Amino acid sequence: MIRLLVADDHEVVRTGLASLLADSDINIVAEATDGVEAVNKAKEHQPDVVLLDIRMAEHDGLTALEKIHSELPNTKVVMLSTYDNPTYIARAVALGAADYVLKGSGREQLINAIEGAVAGNGPAPDSALQKVAGAMNTKKRPVDGDMPLTNRESQVLRHVALGLSNKEIGQSLGISVETVKEHVQNILRKISVNDRTQAAVWAVRKGLV
């Protein structure tokens, strides 16, 4: 039996999830209504998986994800969201989420995500998280004679274009924040732009994201 903590600030969603998971091998051991409560109850109940809404009061789901991933490394986190937003997904990847499920998903997809997280299988090939993670982690550059960046700089720029902070980029790529800063400065200089927003626009135009 998989022990699950459900964190969502809408009671109707929590009730619906309980109904959806009834008669499965997943047992909801606790519920939380915000990010702070999610972290506290995760520490208290030590669930196998936390199903974590991305938008909540009192610390959003991404802040809670970072704390749970850091303090409870054996507990897997599956993000639950209304938003199929590449920036949200990319930040979830960087902060250690096992998967990212949309609230409109069916029962089978939800159960598969929870069971896959416990088994360490990673997200399904058609998962939104898998697609974004693949784009983030590839080191291959597009064929472009005007591309002035190294493979690593192109990889960092993808993360910048997806809206990640230096800290999140460092966590995603396993490098220090100082190294990220150095890469970002080199990127801005090489592509002759002044800030991260302009760099993101350049990345989109070049087909990097």
Protein backbone atom coordinates (compact mmCIF):
# COMPACT_ATOMS: atom_id res chain seq x y z
CA MET A 1 0.00 0.00 0.00
CA ILE A 2 1.39 3.40 -1.03
CA ARG A 3 1.07 6.08 1.65
CA LEU A 4 0.07 9.42 0.14
CA LEU A 5 -0.14 12.98 1.45
CA VAL A 6 -2.46 15.24 -0.57
CA ALA A 7 -1.79 18.99 -0.43
CA ASP A 8 -4.29 21.31 -2.11
CA ASP A 9 -6.01 24.46 -0.87
CA HIS A 10 -9.39 23.50 -2.34
CA GLU A 11 -11.48 21.04 -0.33
CA VAL A 12 -13.41 19.95 -3.42
CA VAL A 13 -10.12 18.89 -5.07
CA ARG A 14 -8.97 16.93 -2.01
CA THR A 15 -12.38 15.23 -1.76
CA GLY A 16 -12.32 14.44 -5.47
CA LEU A 17 -8.86 12.93 -5.24
CA ALA A 18 -9.90 10.75 -2.30
CA SER A 19 -12.83 9.48 -4.37
CA LEU A 20 -10.64 8.97 -7.42
CA LEU A 21 -8.10 6.92 -5.49
CA ALA A 22 -10.64 4.79 -3.64
CA ASP A 23 -10.26 1.04 -4.26
CA SER A 24 -6.65 1.50 -5.35
CA ASP A 25 -3.41 0.53 -3.62
CA ILE A 26 -2.92 4.16 -2.60
CA ASN A 27 -3.90 5.22 0.91
CA ILE A 28 -4.26 8.93 1.75
CA VAL A 29 -2.66 9.22 5.20
CA ALA A 30 -2.96 13.01 5.56
CA GLU A 31 -4.16 16.18 3.86
CA ALA A 32 -2.75 19.72 3.81
CA THR A 33 -4.23 23.04 2.71
CA ASP A 34 -1.05 25.05 2.08
CA GLY A 35 2.67 24.69 1.55
CA VAL A 36 3.69 25.12 5.18
CA GLU A 37 1.21 22.50 6.35
CA ALA A 38 2.34 20.18 3.55
CA VAL A 39 5.95 20.31 4.76
CA ASN A 40 4.95 19.83 8.42
CA LYS A 41 2.63 16.91 7.71
CA ALA A 42 5.18 15.31 5.40
CA LYS A 43 7.66 15.36 8.29
CA GLU A 44 5.01 13.99 10.67
CA HIS A 45 3.63 11.19 8.50
CA GLN A 46 6.67 10.33 6.33
CA PRO A 47 4.51 9.41 3.30
CA ASP A 48 5.86 7.57 0.27
CA VAL A 49 4.53 10.29 -2.01
CA VAL A 50 3.28 13.86 -1.65
CA LEU A 51 0.74 14.98 -4.26
CA LEU A 52 1.38 18.71 -4.18
CA ASP A 53 -0.66 21.53 -5.71
CA ILE A 54 1.61 24.08 -7.34
CA ARG A 55 -0.42 27.17 -6.41
CA MET A 56 -1.21 27.51 -2.70
CA ALA A 57 -1.12 30.18 -0.02
CA GLU A 58 1.51 30.26 2.75
CA HIS A 59 4.38 29.01 0.55
CA ASP A 60 3.45 27.77 -2.87
CA GLY A 61 3.90 24.18 -3.93
CA LEU A 62 7.33 24.78 -5.45
CA THR A 63 8.65 26.21 -2.19
CA ALA A 64 7.21 23.22 -0.35
CA LEU A 65 8.71 20.87 -2.95
CA GLU A 66 12.18 22.28 -2.34
CA LYS A 67 11.86 21.82 1.43
CA ILE A 68 10.43 18.29 1.20
CA HIS A 69 13.05 17.20 -1.34
CA SER A 70 15.81 18.59 0.89
CA GLU A 71 14.55 17.37 4.26
CA LEU A 72 12.81 14.12 3.28
CA PRO A 73 14.87 12.69 0.40
CA ASN A 74 13.06 9.34 0.49
CA THR A 75 9.65 10.96 -0.04
CA LYS A 76 8.73 11.43 -3.70
CA VAL A 77 6.77 14.49 -4.82
CA VAL A 78 4.31 14.60 -7.70
CA MET A 79 3.18 18.09 -8.61
CA LEU A 80 -0.51 18.65 -9.32
CA SER A 81 -1.53 21.67 -11.34
CA THR A 82 -4.21 23.28 -13.44
CA TYR A 83 -1.45 24.94 -15.43
CA ASP A 84 0.41 23.30 -18.30
CA ASN A 85 3.06 25.99 -17.91
CA PRO A 86 6.61 25.23 -19.11
CA THR A 87 8.14 27.52 -16.47
CA TYR A 88 6.27 25.79 -13.63
CA ILE A 89 7.25 22.40 -15.03
CA ALA A 90 10.89 23.40 -15.50
CA ARG A 91 11.09 24.71 -11.93
CA ALA A 92 9.51 21.45 -10.70
CA VAL A 93 12.17 19.48 -12.58
CA ALA A 94 14.97 21.58 -11.11
CA LEU A 95 13.62 21.25 -7.58
CA GLY A 96 13.35 17.47 -7.72
CA ALA A 97 9.75 16.59 -8.59
CA ALA A 98 9.18 13.00 -9.67
CA ASP A 99 6.33 13.94 -12.01
CA TYR A 100 3.87 16.70 -12.92
CA VAL A 101 0.20 15.86 -13.38
CA LEU A 102 -2.55 18.14 -14.63
CA LYS A 103 -5.77 18.31 -12.61
CA GLY A 104 -7.74 17.31 -15.69
CA SER A 105 -5.88 13.99 -15.91
CA GLY A 106 -7.75 10.72 -15.62
CA ARG A 107 -7.62 8.22 -12.77
CA GLU A 108 -5.23 5.87 -14.56
CA GLN A 109 -2.74 8.62 -15.37
CA LEU A 110 -2.79 9.89 -11.78
CA ILE A 111 -2.29 6.42 -10.29
CA ASN A 112 0.47 5.65 -12.79
CA ALA A 113 2.28 8.87 -11.82
CA ILE A 114 2.10 8.05 -8.09
CA GLU A 115 3.12 4.41 -8.56
CA GLY A 116 5.89 5.42 -10.99
CA ALA A 117 7.28 7.89 -8.48
CA VAL A 118 7.48 5.22 -5.77
CA ALA A 119 9.08 2.71 -8.14
CA GLY A 120 11.62 5.29 -9.30
CA ASN A 121 10.59 4.77 -12.92
CA GLY A 122 10.56 8.45 -13.75
CA PRO A 123 7.72 10.18 -15.57
CA ALA A 124 5.93 8.54 -18.48
CA PRO A 125 7.31 9.34 -21.96
CA ASP A 126 4.24 11.47 -22.74
CA SER A 127 4.40 13.34 -19.41
CA ALA A 128 4.69 17.12 -19.55
CA LEU A 129 7.58 16.87 -17.09
CA GLN A 130 9.45 14.38 -19.28
CA LYS A 131 9.17 16.62 -22.34
CA VAL A 132 10.41 19.74 -20.56
CA ALA A 133 13.15 17.84 -18.72
CA GLY A 134 14.41 16.50 -22.03
CA ALA A 135 14.60 19.99 -23.48
CA MET A 136 16.40 21.28 -20.39
CA ASN A 137 19.02 18.56 -20.24
CA THR A 138 19.99 18.14 -23.87
CA LYS A 139 23.42 19.50 -24.70
CA LYS A 140 22.98 19.41 -28.45
CA ARG A 141 22.92 22.79 -30.13
CA PRO A 142 20.80 23.61 -33.17
CA VAL A 143 22.58 23.68 -36.49
CA ASP A 144 23.30 27.38 -36.83
CA GLY A 145 26.50 28.88 -38.13
CA ASP A 146 25.88 31.98 -36.05
CA MET A 147 25.58 30.09 -32.76
CA PRO A 148 28.33 31.56 -30.54
CA LEU A 149 27.60 29.47 -27.44
CA THR A 150 29.17 26.31 -26.08
CA ASN A 151 26.99 23.27 -25.41
CA ARG A 152 26.86 24.07 -21.69
CA GLU A 153 26.02 27.72 -22.33
CA SER A 154 23.20 26.65 -24.65
CA GLN A 155 21.94 24.35 -21.90
CA VAL A 156 22.03 27.16 -19.32
CA LEU A 157 20.26 29.49 -21.74
CA ARG A 158 17.42 26.99 -22.14
CA HIS A 159 16.94 27.13 -18.38
CA VAL A 160 17.05 30.94 -18.41
CA ALA A 161 14.45 31.04 -21.19
CA LEU A 162 12.20 28.77 -19.14
CA GLY A 163 12.29 31.28 -16.29
CA LEU A 164 14.52 29.49 -13.80
CA SER A 165 16.60 31.33 -11.23
CA ASN A 166 20.37 30.82 -10.94
CA LYS A 167 19.81 28.62 -7.91
CA GLU A 168 17.29 26.45 -9.75
CA ILE A 169 19.59 26.19 -12.78
CA GLY A 170 22.42 25.10 -10.51
CA GLN A 171 20.24 22.44 -8.89
CA SER A 172 19.05 21.19 -12.26
CA LEU A 173 22.52 20.93 -13.80
CA GLY A 174 24.46 20.00 -10.67
CA ILE A 175 26.71 23.07 -10.77
CA SER A 176 27.30 25.91 -8.33
CA VAL A 177 25.40 29.18 -8.39
CA GLU A 178 28.69 30.96 -9.04
CA THR A 179 29.29 28.82 -12.12
CA VAL A 180 25.76 29.56 -13.34
CA LYS A 181 26.35 33.30 -12.91
CA GLU A 182 29.56 33.03 -14.91
CA HIS A 183 27.78 31.17 -17.71
CA VAL A 184 24.95 33.72 -17.76
CA GLN A 185 27.38 36.63 -18.00
CA ASN A 186 29.21 34.90 -20.85
CA ILE A 187 25.91 34.24 -22.62
CA LEU A 188 24.79 37.87 -22.37
CA ARG A 189 28.14 39.05 -23.67
CA LYS A 190 28.34 36.56 -26.54
CA ILE A 191 24.83 37.20 -27.88
CA SER A 192 25.07 40.97 -27.25
CA VAL A 193 22.03 41.41 -25.00
CA ASN A 194 21.62 43.29 -21.74
CA ASP A 195 19.47 41.04 -19.57
CA ARG A 196 17.85 37.63 -19.11
CA THR A 197 14.60 38.66 -20.80
CA GLN A 198 16.42 39.63 -23.98
CA ALA A 199 18.43 36.41 -23.77
CA ALA A 200 15.18 34.41 -23.50
CA VAL A 201 13.79 36.11 -26.61
CA TRP A 202 17.03 35.33 -28.47
CA ALA A 203 16.81 31.67 -27.36
CA VAL A 204 13.25 31.34 -28.67
CA ARG A 205 14.19 32.91 -32.00
CA LYS A 206 17.10 30.48 -32.35
CA GLY A 207 14.86 27.51 -31.56
CA LEU A 208 16.66 26.60 -28.35
CA VAL A 209 13.35 26.25 -26.49
